[in-house]
């Protein structure tokens, strides 16, 4: 499992996908999220603006990314 570090309390899901290098652009993130291809903590998430906090796990195309704050 990979980890991404954020400076603030949260990051939006679309931004997290870009930060982790899983998508090329915000448009790609939006499309994949709306198509139900992204899970947050094991649940399909359809909102690009979903706030992702420390300890949350994002799943996309067989990869898992944990978000760490601080």
PDB file of N, CA and C in Angstrom:
ATOM      1  N   UNK A   1       0.841  -1.179   0.000  1.00  0.00           N
ATOM      2  CA  UNK A   1       0.000   0.000   0.000  1.00  0.00           C
ATOM      3  C   UNK A   1       0.886   1.242   0.000  1.00  0.00           C
ATOM      4  N   UNK A   2       0.588   2.143  -0.912  1.00  0.00           N
ATOM      5  CA  UNK A   2       1.324   3.400  -0.985  1.00  0.00           C
ATOM      6  C   UNK A   2       0.700   4.419  -0.041  1.00  0.00           C
ATOM      7  N   UNK A   3       1.462   5.457   0.280  1.00  0.00           N
ATOM      8  CA  UNK A   3       0.942   6.529   1.129  1.00  0.00           C
ATOM      9  C   UNK A   3       1.201   7.862   0.462  1.00  0.00           C
ATOM     10  N   UNK A   4       0.247   8.781   0.666  1.00  0.00           N
ATOM     11  CA  UNK A   4       0.465  10.161   0.258  1.00  0.00           C
ATOM     12  C   UNK A   4       0.332  11.029   1.497  1.00  0.00           C
ATOM     13  N   UNK A   5       1.160  12.031   1.586  1.00  0.00           N
ATOM     14  CA  UNK A   5       1.134  12.948   2.717  1.00  0.00           C
ATOM     15  C   UNK A   5       0.470  14.249   2.311  1.00  0.00           C
ATOM     16  N   UNK A   6      -0.400  14.735   3.188  1.00  0.00           N
ATOM     17  CA  UNK A   6      -1.057  16.018   2.947  1.00  0.00           C
ATOM     18  C   UNK A   6      -0.721  16.963   4.090  1.00  0.00           C
ATOM     19  N   UNK A   7      -0.748  18.247   3.820  1.00  0.00           N
ATOM     20  CA  UNK A   7      -0.408  19.244   4.837  1.00  0.00           C
ATOM     21  C   UNK A   7      -1.614  19.684   5.643  1.00  0.00           C
ATOM     22  N   UNK A   8      -2.790  19.648   5.027  1.00  0.00           N
ATOM     23  CA  UNK A   8      -4.007  20.120   5.686  1.00  0.00           C
ATOM     24  C   UNK A   8      -4.738  18.958   6.353  1.00  0.00           C
ATOM     25  N   UNK A   9      -5.892  19.259   6.939  1.00  0.00           N
ATOM     26  CA  UNK A   9      -6.690  18.233   7.615  1.00  0.00           C
ATOM     27  C   UNK A   9      -7.300  17.241   6.638  1.00  0.00           C
ATOM     28  N   UNK A  10      -7.557  17.701   5.412  1.00  0.00           N
ATOM     29  CA  UNK A  10      -8.172  16.829   4.407  1.00  0.00           C
ATOM     30  C   UNK A  10      -7.738  17.237   3.011  1.00  0.00           C
ATOM     31  N   UNK A  11      -8.042  16.357   2.051  1.00  0.00           N
ATOM     32  CA  UNK A  11      -7.821  16.628   0.638  1.00  0.00           C
ATOM     33  C   UNK A  11      -9.044  16.095  -0.096  1.00  0.00           C
ATOM     34  N   UNK A  12      -9.416  16.736  -1.169  1.00  0.00           N
ATOM     35  CA  UNK A  12     -10.559  16.249  -1.940  1.00  0.00           C
ATOM     36  C   UNK A  12     -10.127  15.039  -2.771  1.00  0.00           C
ATOM     37  N   UNK A  13     -11.085  14.139  -2.989  1.00  0.00           N
ATOM     38  CA  UNK A  13     -10.786  12.873  -3.645  1.00  0.00           C
ATOM     39  C   UNK A  13     -10.105  13.057  -4.995  1.00  0.00           C
ATOM     40  N   UNK A  14     -10.620  13.929  -5.837  1.00  0.00           N
ATOM     41  CA  UNK A  14     -10.018  14.160  -7.156  1.00  0.00           C
ATOM     42  C   UNK A  14      -8.576  14.627  -7.042  1.00  0.00           C
ATOM     43  N   UNK A  15      -8.312  15.508  -6.083  1.00  0.00           N
ATOM     44  CA  UNK A  15      -6.955  16.002  -5.864  1.00  0.00           C
ATOM     45  C   UNK A  15      -6.036  14.893  -5.365  1.00  0.00           C
ATOM     46  N   UNK A  16      -6.580  14.030  -4.510  1.00  0.00           N
ATOM     47  CA  UNK A  16      -5.779  12.920  -3.982  1.00  0.00           C
ATOM     48  C   UNK A  16      -5.360  11.970  -5.098  1.00  0.00           C
ATOM     49  N   UNK A  17      -6.270  11.695  -6.021  1.00  0.00           N
ATOM     50  CA  UNK A  17      -5.934  10.816  -7.147  1.00  0.00           C
ATOM     51  C   UNK A  17      -4.818  11.420  -7.994  1.00  0.00           C
ATOM     52  N   UNK A  18      -4.877  12.739  -8.203  1.00  0.00           N
ATOM     53  CA  UNK A  18      -3.825  13.412  -8.969  1.00  0.00           C
ATOM     54  C   UNK A  18      -2.502  13.406  -8.203  1.00  0.00           C
ATOM     55  N   UNK A  19      -2.558  13.705  -6.915  1.00  0.00           N
ATOM     56  CA  UNK A  19      -1.351  13.742  -6.089  1.00  0.00           C
ATOM     57  C   UNK A  19      -0.650  12.387  -6.070  1.00  0.00           C
ATOM     58  N   UNK A  20      -1.429  11.320  -6.044  1.00  0.00           N
ATOM     59  CA  UNK A  20      -0.862   9.970  -6.021  1.00  0.00           C
ATOM     60  C   UNK A  20      -0.375   9.526  -7.393  1.00  0.00           C
ATOM     61  N   UNK A  21      -0.654  10.328  -8.428  1.00  0.00           N
ATOM     62  CA  UNK A  21      -0.218   9.980  -9.771  1.00  0.00           C
ATOM     63  C   UNK A  21      -1.072   8.907 -10.425  1.00  0.00           C
ATOM     64  N   UNK A  22      -2.285   8.718  -9.929  1.00  0.00           N
ATOM     65  CA  UNK A  22      -3.167   7.681 -10.468  1.00  0.00           C
ATOM     66  C   UNK A  22      -3.940   8.156 -11.687  1.00  0.00           C
ATOM     67  N   UNK A  23      -4.108   9.473 -11.822  1.00  0.00           N
ATOM     68  CA  UNK A  23      -4.772  10.051 -12.996  1.00  0.00           C
ATOM     69  C   UNK A  23      -3.937  11.221 -13.491  1.00  0.00           C
ATOM     70  N   UNK A  24      -4.128  11.540 -14.771  1.00  0.00           N
ATOM     71  CA  UNK A  24      -3.358  12.627 -15.384  1.00  0.00           C
ATOM     72  C   UNK A  24      -3.923  14.007 -15.051  1.00  0.00           C
ATOM     73  N   UNK A  25      -5.266  14.096 -14.973  1.00  0.00           N
ATOM     74  CA  UNK A  25      -5.890  15.409 -14.816  1.00  0.00           C
ATOM     75  C   UNK A  25      -7.143  15.309 -13.961  1.00  0.00           C
ATOM     76  N   UNK A  26      -7.653  16.478 -13.597  1.00  0.00           N
ATOM     77  CA  UNK A  26      -8.894  16.535 -12.847  1.00  0.00           C
ATOM     78  C   UNK A  26     -10.066  15.987 -13.644  1.00  0.00           C
ATOM     79  N   UNK A  27     -10.023  16.157 -14.953  1.00  0.00           N
ATOM     80  CA  UNK A  27     -11.090  15.633 -15.813  1.00  0.00           C
ATOM     81  C   UNK A  27     -11.092  14.104 -15.770  1.00  0.00           C
ATOM     82  N   UNK A  28      -9.902  13.501 -15.840  1.00  0.00           N
ATOM     83  CA  UNK A  28      -9.801  12.038 -15.746  1.00  0.00           C
ATOM     84  C   UNK A  28     -10.332  11.554 -14.397  1.00  0.00           C
ATOM     85  N   UNK A  29      -9.965  12.254 -13.331  1.00  0.00           N
ATOM     86  CA  UNK A  29     -10.428  11.885 -11.994  1.00  0.00           C
ATOM     87  C   UNK A  29     -11.949  11.963 -11.924  1.00  0.00           C
ATOM     88  N   UNK A  30     -12.503  13.051 -12.438  1.00  0.00           N
ATOM     89  CA  UNK A  30     -13.952  13.244 -12.403  1.00  0.00           C
ATOM     90  C   UNK A  30     -14.676  12.112 -13.120  1.00  0.00           C
ATOM     91  N   UNK A  31     -14.213  11.767 -14.304  1.00  0.00           N
ATOM     92  CA  UNK A  31     -14.868  10.724 -15.099  1.00  0.00           C
ATOM     93  C   UNK A  31     -14.793   9.366 -14.393  1.00  0.00           C
ATOM     94  N   UNK A  32     -13.621   9.011 -13.890  1.00  0.00           N
ATOM     95  CA  UNK A  32     -13.458   7.710 -13.243  1.00  0.00           C
ATOM     96  C   UNK A  32     -14.260   7.619 -11.946  1.00  0.00           C
ATOM     97  N   UNK A  33     -14.313   8.714 -11.197  1.00  0.00           N
ATOM     98  CA  UNK A  33     -15.103   8.731  -9.963  1.00  0.00           C
ATOM     99  C   UNK A  33     -16.588   8.578 -10.297  1.00  0.00           C
ATOM    100  N   UNK A  34     -17.069   9.336 -11.280  1.00  0.00           N
ATOM    101  CA  UNK A  34     -18.487   9.276 -11.650  1.00  0.00           C
ATOM    102  C   UNK A  34     -18.883   7.915 -12.215  1.00  0.00           C
ATOM    103  N   UNK A  35     -17.928   7.192 -12.785  1.00  0.00           N
ATOM    104  CA  UNK A  35     -18.206   5.864 -13.328  1.00  0.00           C
ATOM    105  C   UNK A  35     -18.147   4.782 -12.249  1.00  0.00           C
ATOM    106  N   UNK A  36     -17.857   5.178 -11.003  1.00  0.00           N
ATOM    107  CA  UNK A  36     -17.851   4.217  -9.900  1.00  0.00           C
ATOM    108  C   UNK A  36     -16.600   3.372  -9.818  1.00  0.00           C
ATOM    109  N   UNK A  37     -15.493   3.874 -10.353  1.00  0.00           N
ATOM    110  CA  UNK A  37     -14.247   3.109 -10.379  1.00  0.00           C
ATOM    111  C   UNK A  37     -13.366   3.329  -9.155  1.00  0.00           C
ATOM    112  N   UNK A  38     -13.796   4.227  -8.259  1.00  0.00           N
ATOM    113  CA  UNK A  38     -12.980   4.591  -7.106  1.00  0.00           C
ATOM    114  C   UNK A  38     -13.713   4.235  -5.814  1.00  0.00           C
ATOM    115  N   UNK A  39     -12.976   3.634  -4.882  1.00  0.00           N
ATOM    116  CA  UNK A  39     -13.536   3.325  -3.568  1.00  0.00           C
ATOM    117  C   UNK A  39     -12.776   4.100  -2.500  1.00  0.00           C
ATOM    118  N   UNK A  40     -13.511   4.502  -1.473  1.00  0.00           N
ATOM    119  CA  UNK A  40     -12.909   5.125  -0.294  1.00  0.00           C
ATOM    120  C   UNK A  40     -13.315   4.276   0.906  1.00  0.00           C
ATOM    121  N   UNK A  41     -12.329   3.756   1.591  1.00  0.00           N
ATOM    122  CA  UNK A  41     -12.572   2.880   2.749  1.00  0.00           C
ATOM    123  C   UNK A  41     -13.522   1.735   2.398  1.00  0.00           C
ATOM    124  N   UNK A  42     -13.342   1.168   1.204  1.00  0.00           N
ATOM    125  CA  UNK A  42     -14.101   0.000   0.784  1.00  0.00           C
ATOM    126  C   UNK A  42     -15.462   0.278   0.179  1.00  0.00           C
ATOM    127  N   UNK A  43     -15.876   1.543   0.123  1.00  0.00           N
ATOM    128  CA  UNK A  43     -17.185   1.919  -0.426  1.00  0.00           C
ATOM    129  C   UNK A  43     -16.993   2.706  -1.725  1.00  0.00           C
ATOM    130  N   UNK A  44     -17.780   2.399  -2.739  1.00  0.00           N
ATOM    131  CA  UNK A  44     -17.717   3.156  -3.988  1.00  0.00           C
ATOM    132  C   UNK A  44     -18.082   4.607  -3.689  1.00  0.00           C
ATOM    133  N   UNK A  45     -17.278   5.520  -4.180  1.00  0.00           N
ATOM    134  CA  UNK A  45     -17.514   6.951  -3.958  1.00  0.00           C
ATOM    135  C   UNK A  45     -17.733   7.638  -5.300  1.00  0.00           C
ATOM    136  N   UNK A  46     -18.821   8.385  -5.414  1.00  0.00           N
ATOM    137  CA  UNK A  46     -19.174   9.039  -6.669  1.00  0.00           C
ATOM    138  C   UNK A  46     -18.983  10.554  -6.641  1.00  0.00           C
ATOM    139  N   UNK A  47     -18.491  11.090  -5.536  1.00  0.00           N
ATOM    140  CA  UNK A  47     -18.311  12.541  -5.410  1.00  0.00           C
ATOM    141  C   UNK A  47     -16.830  12.910  -5.513  1.00  0.00           C
ATOM    142  N   UNK A  48     -16.497  13.676  -6.524  1.00  0.00           N
ATOM    143  CA  UNK A  48     -15.107  14.102  -6.715  1.00  0.00           C
ATOM    144  C   UNK A  48     -14.629  14.961  -5.552  1.00  0.00           C
ATOM    145  N   UNK A  49     -15.549  15.729  -4.952  1.00  0.00           N
ATOM    146  CA  UNK A  49     -15.194  16.637  -3.866  1.00  0.00           C
ATOM    147  C   UNK A  49     -15.232  16.008  -2.489  1.00  0.00           C
ATOM    148  N   UNK A  50     -15.400  14.698  -2.407  1.00  0.00           N
ATOM    149  CA  UNK A  50     -15.425  13.997  -1.115  1.00  0.00           C
ATOM    150  C   UNK A  50     -14.153  14.314  -0.343  1.00  0.00           C
ATOM    151  N   UNK A  51     -14.308  14.719   0.911  1.00  0.00           N
ATOM    152  CA  UNK A  51     -13.145  15.039   1.733  1.00  0.00           C
ATOM    153  C   UNK A  51     -12.501  13.745   2.242  1.00  0.00           C
ATOM    154  N   UNK A  52     -11.205  13.640   2.014  1.00  0.00           N
ATOM    155  CA  UNK A  52     -10.431  12.479   2.413  1.00  0.00           C
ATOM    156  C   UNK A  52      -9.530  12.908   3.567  1.00  0.00           C
ATOM    157  N   UNK A  53      -9.619  12.182   4.681  1.00  0.00           N
ATOM    158  CA  UNK A  53      -8.891  12.539   5.894  1.00  0.00           C
ATOM    159  C   UNK A  53      -7.768  11.551   6.196  1.00  0.00           C
ATOM    160  N   UNK A  54      -6.946  11.913   7.171  1.00  0.00           N
ATOM    161  CA  UNK A  54      -5.856  11.071   7.639  1.00  0.00           C
ATOM    162  C   UNK A  54      -6.366   9.665   7.942  1.00  0.00           C
ATOM    163  N   UNK A  55      -5.709   8.665   7.372  1.00  0.00           N
ATOM    164  CA  UNK A  55      -6.075   7.269   7.612  1.00  0.00           C
ATOM    165  C   UNK A  55      -7.042   6.683   6.605  1.00  0.00           C
ATOM    166  N   UNK A  56      -7.672   7.525   5.774  1.00  0.00           N
ATOM    167  CA  UNK A  56      -8.580   7.009   4.744  1.00  0.00           C
ATOM    168  C   UNK A  56      -7.782   6.263   3.678  1.00  0.00           C
ATOM    169  N   UNK A  57      -8.410   5.237   3.107  1.00  0.00           N
ATOM    170  CA  UNK A  57      -7.766   4.432   2.069  1.00  0.00           C
ATOM    171  C   UNK A  57      -8.566   4.565   0.777  1.00  0.00           C
ATOM    172  N   UNK A  58      -7.879   4.925  -0.295  1.00  0.00           N
ATOM    173  CA  UNK A  58      -8.479   5.054  -1.621  1.00  0.00           C
ATOM    174  C   UNK A  58      -8.063   3.842  -2.440  1.00  0.00           C
ATOM    175  N   UNK A  59      -9.028   3.231  -3.124  1.00  0.00           N
ATOM    176  CA  UNK A  59      -8.735   2.105  -4.011  1.00  0.00           C
ATOM    177  C   UNK A  59      -9.091   2.506  -5.434  1.00  0.00           C
ATOM    178  N   UNK A  60      -8.147   2.255  -6.351  1.00  0.00           N
ATOM    179  CA  UNK A  60      -8.351   2.614  -7.755  1.00  0.00           C
ATOM    180  C   UNK A  60      -7.499   1.701  -8.615  1.00  0.00           C
ATOM    181  N   UNK A  61      -8.112   1.025  -9.560  1.00  0.00           N
ATOM    182  CA  UNK A  61      -7.415   0.137 -10.495  1.00  0.00           C
ATOM    183  C   UNK A  61      -6.468  -0.833  -9.786  1.00  0.00           C
ATOM    184  N   UNK A  62      -6.960  -1.440  -8.713  1.00  0.00           N
ATOM    185  CA  UNK A  62      -6.173  -2.440  -8.007  1.00  0.00           C
ATOM    186  C   UNK A  62      -5.107  -1.892  -7.079  1.00  0.00           C
ATOM    187  N   UNK A  63      -5.010  -0.582  -6.972  1.00  0.00           N
ATOM    188  CA  UNK A  63      -4.008   0.022  -6.099  1.00  0.00           C
ATOM    189  C   UNK A  63      -4.694   0.620  -4.877  1.00  0.00           C
ATOM    190  N   UNK A  64      -4.010   0.580  -3.749  1.00  0.00           N
ATOM    191  CA  UNK A  64      -4.518   1.177  -2.529  1.00  0.00           C
ATOM    192  C   UNK A  64      -3.576   2.284  -2.097  1.00  0.00           C
ATOM    193  N   UNK A  65      -4.161   3.421  -1.748  1.00  0.00           N
ATOM    194  CA  UNK A  65      -3.404   4.587  -1.306  1.00  0.00           C
ATOM    195  C   UNK A  65      -3.948   5.008   0.051  1.00  0.00           C
ATOM    196  N   UNK A  66      -3.065   5.127   1.051  1.00  0.00           N
ATOM    197  CA  UNK A  66      -3.483   5.629   2.354  1.00  0.00           C
ATOM    198  C   UNK A  66      -3.047   7.082   2.479  1.00  0.00           C
ATOM    199  N   UNK A  67      -3.946   7.900   3.027  1.00  0.00           N
ATOM    200  CA  UNK A  67      -3.670   9.314   3.205  1.00  0.00           C
ATOM    201  C   UNK A  67      -3.165   9.556   4.611  1.00  0.00           C
ATOM    202  N   UNK A  68      -2.056  10.286   4.714  1.00  0.00           N
ATOM    203  CA  UNK A  68      -1.486  10.649   6.003  1.00  0.00           C
ATOM    204  C   UNK A  68      -1.390  12.173   6.082  1.00  0.00           C
ATOM    205  N   UNK A  69      -1.817  12.725   7.202  1.00  0.00           N
ATOM    206  CA  UNK A  69      -1.785  14.168   7.414  1.00  0.00           C
ATOM    207  C   UNK A  69      -0.648  14.523   8.350  1.00  0.00           C
ATOM    208  N   UNK A  70       0.001  15.645   8.039  1.00  0.00           N
ATOM    209  CA  UNK A  70       1.019  16.124   8.962  1.00  0.00           C
ATOM    210  C   UNK A  70       2.383  16.218   8.411  1.00  0.00           C
TER     211      UNK A  70
END
